[in-house]
C-alpha atoms as a PDB file:
ATOM      1  CA  UNK A   1      18.218 -38.615 -60.047  1.00  0.00           C
ATOM      2  CA  UNK A   2      16.889 -35.101 -60.548  1.00  0.00           C
ATOM      3  CA  UNK A   3      13.218 -34.339 -61.090  1.00  0.00           C
ATOM      4  CA  UNK A   4      12.064 -32.452 -64.170  1.00  0.00           C
ATOM      5  CA  UNK A   5       8.757 -30.930 -65.148  1.00  0.00           C
ATOM      6  CA  UNK A   6       7.916 -32.473 -68.498  1.00  0.00           C
ATOM      7  CA  UNK A   7       5.398 -30.560 -70.589  1.00  0.00           C
ATOM      8  CA  UNK A   8       3.844 -32.419 -73.521  1.00  0.00           C
ATOM      9  CA  UNK A   9       2.334 -30.256 -76.242  1.00  0.00           C
ATOM     10  CA  UNK A  10       0.585 -32.199 -78.961  1.00  0.00           C
ATOM     11  CA  UNK A  11       0.898 -30.542 -82.353  1.00  0.00           C
ATOM     12  CA  UNK A  12      -2.027 -28.398 -83.438  1.00  0.00           C
ATOM     13  CA  UNK A  13      -4.598 -29.158 -86.122  1.00  0.00           C
ATOM     14  CA  UNK A  14      -2.961 -29.825 -89.511  1.00  0.00           C
ATOM     15  CA  UNK A  15      -4.213 -30.472 -93.039  1.00  0.00           C
ATOM     16  CA  UNK A  16      -5.471 -34.031 -93.492  1.00  0.00           C
ATOM     17  CA  UNK A  17      -3.370 -34.855 -96.555  1.00  0.00           C
ATOM     18  CA  UNK A  18      -0.269 -33.493 -98.257  1.00  0.00           C
ATOM     19  CA  UNK A  19       1.106 -34.478-101.699  1.00  0.00           C
ATOM     20  CA  UNK A  20       4.541 -35.094-100.129  1.00  0.00           C
ATOM     21  CA  UNK A  21       3.119 -37.389 -97.433  1.00  0.00           C
ATOM     22  CA  UNK A  22       2.416 -37.362 -93.694  1.00  0.00           C
ATOM     23  CA  UNK A  23       5.802 -35.860 -92.751  1.00  0.00           C
ATOM     24  CA  UNK A  24       4.994 -32.644 -94.681  1.00  0.00           C
ATOM     25  CA  UNK A  25       1.458 -31.890 -93.404  1.00  0.00           C
ATOM     26  CA  UNK A  26       1.397 -28.206 -92.310  1.00  0.00           C
ATOM     27  CA  UNK A  27      -0.766 -26.640 -89.603  1.00  0.00           C
ATOM     28  CA  UNK A  28      -4.027 -24.940 -90.480  1.00  0.00           C
ATOM     29  CA  UNK A  29      -4.796 -21.567 -88.813  1.00  0.00           C
ATOM     30  CA  UNK A  30      -6.685 -23.314 -85.992  1.00  0.00           C
ATOM     31  CA  UNK A  31      -3.530 -25.336 -85.250  1.00  0.00           C
ATOM     32  CA  UNK A  32      -1.403 -22.173 -85.131  1.00  0.00           C
ATOM     33  CA  UNK A  33      -3.920 -20.627 -82.729  1.00  0.00           C
ATOM     34  CA  UNK A  34      -3.836 -23.753 -80.528  1.00  0.00           C
ATOM     35  CA  UNK A  35      -0.050 -23.420 -80.206  1.00  0.00           C
ATOM     36  CA  UNK A  36      -0.225 -19.683 -79.442  1.00  0.00           C
ATOM     37  CA  UNK A  37      -3.007 -20.219 -76.887  1.00  0.00           C
ATOM     38  CA  UNK A  38      -0.973 -22.916 -75.125  1.00  0.00           C
ATOM     39  CA  UNK A  39       1.969 -20.501 -74.896  1.00  0.00           C
ATOM     40  CA  UNK A  40      -0.189 -17.659 -73.549  1.00  0.00           C
ATOM     41  CA  UNK A  41      -1.740 -19.929 -70.931  1.00  0.00           C
ATOM     42  CA  UNK A  42       1.586 -21.299 -69.679  1.00  0.00           C
ATOM     43  CA  UNK A  43       3.164 -17.824 -69.738  1.00  0.00           C
ATOM     44  CA  UNK A  44       0.289 -16.333 -67.700  1.00  0.00           C
ATOM     45  CA  UNK A  45       0.632 -19.191 -65.184  1.00  0.00           C
ATOM     46  CA  UNK A  46       4.430 -18.788 -64.947  1.00  0.00           C
ATOM     47  CA  UNK A  47       4.922 -22.319 -66.283  1.00  0.00           C
ATOM     48  CA  UNK A  48       6.979 -21.759 -69.447  1.00  0.00           C
ATOM     49  CA  UNK A  49       9.633 -24.394 -70.251  1.00  0.00           C
ATOM     50  CA  UNK A  50      13.386 -23.775 -70.137  1.00  0.00           C
ATOM     51  CA  UNK A  51      13.793 -25.636 -73.433  1.00  0.00           C
ATOM     52  CA  UNK A  52      11.446 -26.888 -76.160  1.00  0.00           C
ATOM     53  CA  UNK A  53      12.183 -30.100 -78.091  1.00  0.00           C
ATOM     54  CA  UNK A  54      10.171 -30.980 -81.186  1.00  0.00           C
ATOM     55  CA  UNK A  55       9.458 -33.799 -83.573  1.00  0.00           C
ATOM     56  CA  UNK A  56      10.968 -33.203 -87.039  1.00  0.00           C
ATOM     57  CA  UNK A  57       7.545 -33.447 -88.730  1.00  0.00           C
ATOM     58  CA  UNK A  58       6.349 -30.151 -90.261  1.00  0.00           C
ATOM     59  CA  UNK A  59       3.183 -29.839 -88.130  1.00  0.00           C
ATOM     60  CA  UNK A  60       5.138 -30.360 -84.905  1.00  0.00           C
ATOM     61  CA  UNK A  61       7.914 -27.951 -85.921  1.00  0.00           C
ATOM     62  CA  UNK A  62       5.312 -25.307 -86.808  1.00  0.00           C
ATOM     63  CA  UNK A  63       3.520 -25.868 -83.487  1.00  0.00           C
ATOM     64  CA  UNK A  64       6.814 -25.444 -81.617  1.00  0.00           C
ATOM     65  CA  UNK A  65       7.659 -22.309 -83.619  1.00  0.00           C
ATOM     66  CA  UNK A  66       4.269 -20.676 -82.921  1.00  0.00           C
ATOM     67  CA  UNK A  67       4.504 -21.686 -79.252  1.00  0.00           C
ATOM     68  CA  UNK A  68       8.023 -20.296 -78.779  1.00  0.00           C
ATOM     69  CA  UNK A  69       7.212 -17.036 -80.623  1.00  0.00           C
ATOM     70  CA  UNK A  70       4.036 -16.452 -78.586  1.00  0.00           C
ATOM     71  CA  UNK A  71       5.863 -17.323 -75.350  1.00  0.00           C
ATOM     72  CA  UNK A  72       8.848 -15.112 -76.178  1.00  0.00           C
ATOM     73  CA  UNK A  73      11.326 -17.940 -75.613  1.00  0.00           C
ATOM     74  CA  UNK A  74      14.149 -19.362 -77.790  1.00  0.00           C
ATOM     75  CA  UNK A  75      13.121 -21.639 -80.654  1.00  0.00           C
ATOM     76  CA  UNK A  76      12.793 -25.396 -80.400  1.00  0.00           C
ATOM     77  CA  UNK A  77      15.451 -28.051 -80.915  1.00  0.00           C
ATOM     78  CA  UNK A  78      14.516 -30.817 -83.372  1.00  0.00           C
ATOM     79  CA  UNK A  79      14.818 -34.335 -81.925  1.00  0.00           C
ATOM     80  CA  UNK A  80      14.400 -37.349 -84.213  1.00  0.00           C
ATOM     81  CA  UNK A  81      13.186 -39.590 -81.360  1.00  0.00           C
ATOM     82  CA  UNK A  82      10.030 -37.412 -81.085  1.00  0.00           C
ATOM     83  CA  UNK A  83       8.837 -38.397 -84.592  1.00  0.00           C
ATOM     84  CA  UNK A  84       5.702 -40.559 -84.940  1.00  0.00           C
ATOM     85  CA  UNK A  85       6.110 -43.947 -83.264  1.00  0.00           C
ATOM     86  CA  UNK A  86       8.069 -42.698 -80.225  1.00  0.00           C
ATOM     87  CA  UNK A  87       8.711 -45.433 -77.667  1.00  0.00           C
ATOM     88  CA  UNK A  88       8.165 -44.407 -73.975  1.00  0.00           C
ATOM     89  CA  UNK A  89      11.385 -46.077 -72.760  1.00  0.00           C
ATOM     90  CA  UNK A  90      13.400 -44.407 -75.534  1.00  0.00           C
ATOM     91  CA  UNK A  91      11.796 -41.045 -74.718  1.00  0.00           C
ATOM     92  CA  UNK A  92      12.700 -41.272 -71.025  1.00  0.00           C
ATOM     93  CA  UNK A  93      16.243 -42.358 -71.898  1.00  0.00           C
ATOM     94  CA  UNK A  94      16.644 -39.407 -74.294  1.00  0.00           C
ATOM     95  CA  UNK A  95      15.142 -36.959 -71.778  1.00  0.00           C
ATOM     96  CA  UNK A  96      17.793 -37.958 -69.231  1.00  0.00           C
ATOM     97  CA  UNK A  97      20.276 -35.953 -71.345  1.00  0.00           C
ATOM     98  CA  UNK A  98      18.277 -32.791 -70.504  1.00  0.00           C
ATOM     99  CA  UNK A  99      18.456 -33.222 -66.697  1.00  0.00           C
ATOM    100  CA  UNK A 100      20.067 -29.769 -66.322  1.00  0.00           C
ATOM    101  CA  UNK A 101      16.747 -28.164 -67.287  1.00  0.00           C
ATOM    102  CA  UNK A 102      14.028 -27.768 -64.639  1.00  0.00           C
ATOM    103  CA  UNK A 103      11.203 -27.692 -67.209  1.00  0.00           C
ATOM    104  CA  UNK A 104      11.371 -29.382 -70.628  1.00  0.00           C
ATOM    105  CA  UNK A 105       8.596 -29.180 -73.228  1.00  0.00           C
ATOM    106  CA  UNK A 106       8.259 -31.752 -76.000  1.00  0.00           C
ATOM    107  CA  UNK A 107       6.110 -31.263 -79.098  1.00  0.00           C
ATOM    108  CA  UNK A 108       4.928 -34.457 -80.721  1.00  0.00           C
ATOM    109  CA  UNK A 109       2.194 -36.849 -81.721  1.00  0.00           C
ATOM    110  CA  UNK A 110      -0.523 -39.337 -80.816  1.00  0.00           C
ATOM    111  CA  UNK A 111      -0.758 -42.106 -79.852  1.00  0.00           C
ATOM    112  CA  UNK A 112       2.815 -41.540 -78.621  1.00  0.00           C
ATOM    113  CA  UNK A 113       1.917 -38.977 -75.948  1.00  0.00           C
ATOM    114  CA  UNK A 114      -1.012 -40.900 -74.431  1.00  0.00           C
ATOM    115  CA  UNK A 115       1.160 -44.052 -74.386  1.00  0.00           C
ATOM    116  CA  UNK A 116       4.003 -42.131 -72.688  1.00  0.00           C
ATOM    117  CA  UNK A 117       1.668 -40.741 -70.009  1.00  0.00           C
ATOM    118  CA  UNK A 118       0.048 -44.154 -69.447  1.00  0.00           C
ATOM    119  CA  UNK A 119       3.471 -45.835 -69.252  1.00  0.00           C
ATOM    120  CA  UNK A 120       4.793 -43.293 -66.714  1.00  0.00           C
ATOM    121  CA  UNK A 121       1.636 -43.460 -64.569  1.00  0.00           C
ATOM    122  CA  UNK A 122       1.130 -47.230 -64.941  1.00  0.00           C
ATOM    123  CA  UNK A 123      -2.365 -46.585 -66.349  1.00  0.00           C
ATOM    124  CA  UNK A 124      -4.310 -48.909 -68.641  1.00  0.00           C
ATOM    125  CA  UNK A 125      -4.124 -48.485 -72.412  1.00  0.00           C
ATOM    126  CA  UNK A 126      -6.822 -46.213 -73.794  1.00  0.00           C
ATOM    127  CA  UNK A 127      -7.403 -44.420 -70.475  1.00  0.00           C
ATOM    128  CA  UNK A 128      -5.757 -41.155 -71.582  1.00  0.00           C
ATOM    129  CA  UNK A 129      -6.262 -39.254 -74.830  1.00  0.00           C
ATOM    130  CA  UNK A 130      -4.150 -36.274 -75.840  1.00  0.00           C
ATOM    131  CA  UNK A 131      -6.112 -34.242 -78.400  1.00  0.00           C
ATOM    132  CA  UNK A 132      -4.465 -31.850 -80.870  1.00  0.00           C
ATOM    133  CA  UNK A 133      -3.264 -28.743 -79.031  1.00  0.00           C
ATOM    134  CA  UNK A 134      -3.488 -30.376 -75.574  1.00  0.00           C
ATOM    135  CA  UNK A 135      -0.934 -29.484 -72.890  1.00  0.00           C
ATOM    136  CA  UNK A 136       0.003 -32.087 -70.285  1.00  0.00           C
ATOM    137  CA  UNK A 137       2.579 -31.810 -67.516  1.00  0.00           C
ATOM    138  CA  UNK A 138       4.232 -34.554 -65.518  1.00  0.00           C
ATOM    139  CA  UNK A 139       6.888 -34.554 -62.829  1.00  0.00           C
ATOM    140  CA  UNK A 140       9.409 -37.191 -63.915  1.00  0.00           C
ATOM    141  CA  UNK A 141      12.944 -38.334 -63.138  1.00  0.00           C
ATOM    142  CA  UNK A 142      14.360 -39.675 -66.428  1.00  0.00           C
ATOM    143  CA  UNK A 143      15.317 -42.368 -67.222  1.00  0.00           C
ATOM    144  CA  UNK A 144      13.123 -43.704 -64.362  1.00  0.00           C
ATOM    145  CA  UNK A 145       9.626 -44.838 -65.320  1.00  0.00           C
ATOM    146  CA  UNK A 146       7.759 -43.269 -62.399  1.00  0.00           C
ATOM    147  CA  UNK A 147       6.137 -39.858 -62.424  1.00  0.00           C
ATOM    148  CA  UNK A 148       3.154 -37.759 -61.398  1.00  0.00           C
ATOM    149  CA  UNK A 149       0.604 -36.076 -63.656  1.00  0.00           C
ATOM    150  CA  UNK A 150       0.333 -32.402 -62.652  1.00  0.00           C
ATOM    151  CA  UNK A 151      -2.200 -31.303 -65.256  1.00  0.00           C
ATOM    152  CA  UNK A 152      -3.763 -32.099 -68.630  1.00  0.00           C
ATOM    153  CA  UNK A 153      -5.417 -29.140 -70.372  1.00  0.00           C
ATOM    154  CA  UNK A 154      -7.448 -29.744 -73.535  1.00  0.00           C
ATOM    155  CA  UNK A 155      -7.263 -27.044 -76.222  1.00  0.00           C
ATOM    156  CA  UNK A 156     -10.804 -25.808 -75.538  1.00  0.00           C
ATOM    157  CA  UNK A 157      -9.688 -24.716 -72.044  1.00  0.00           C
ATOM    158  CA  UNK A 158      -6.460 -23.132 -73.309  1.00  0.00           C
ATOM    159  CA  UNK A 159      -8.346 -20.665 -75.537  1.00  0.00           C
ATOM    160  CA  UNK A 160      -7.792 -17.029 -74.686  1.00  0.00           C
ATOM    161  CA  UNK A 161     -10.833 -15.194 -73.393  1.00  0.00           C
ATOM    162  CA  UNK A 162     -10.135 -12.229 -75.736  1.00  0.00           C
END
């Protein structure tokens, strides 16, 4: 089983309500900035992903688009399993199909991401929170459950100094 660096990027800040429902909530400017800042930080650190996968929800797709543009990498691939309500076992099973990539980024939602991290690490529920715009990275070997948390960077630390 090959090891992959799995980067989790929670979507940026979005509008609270949309007439067409939760699926259609777009990012606000702060959310766009969070995505761009995450890209700049990972680019500066030499940690950009080889591929970006995103939830089909508007706010996640927009986060992925801003991230990829700011990072200067190809656009994201939409994956239905990343929509709200993602199951950790399903996620690891789906990620196994991307074993050819050294570093895979996924753009998605809460509480899905904190549950995925807790499940991989064997941590207690509620012990990890992934705020909007947070970047987390784990070393994993899908579909295996085990992994190591490399870093978790909240959006306030990903802000550019400029």
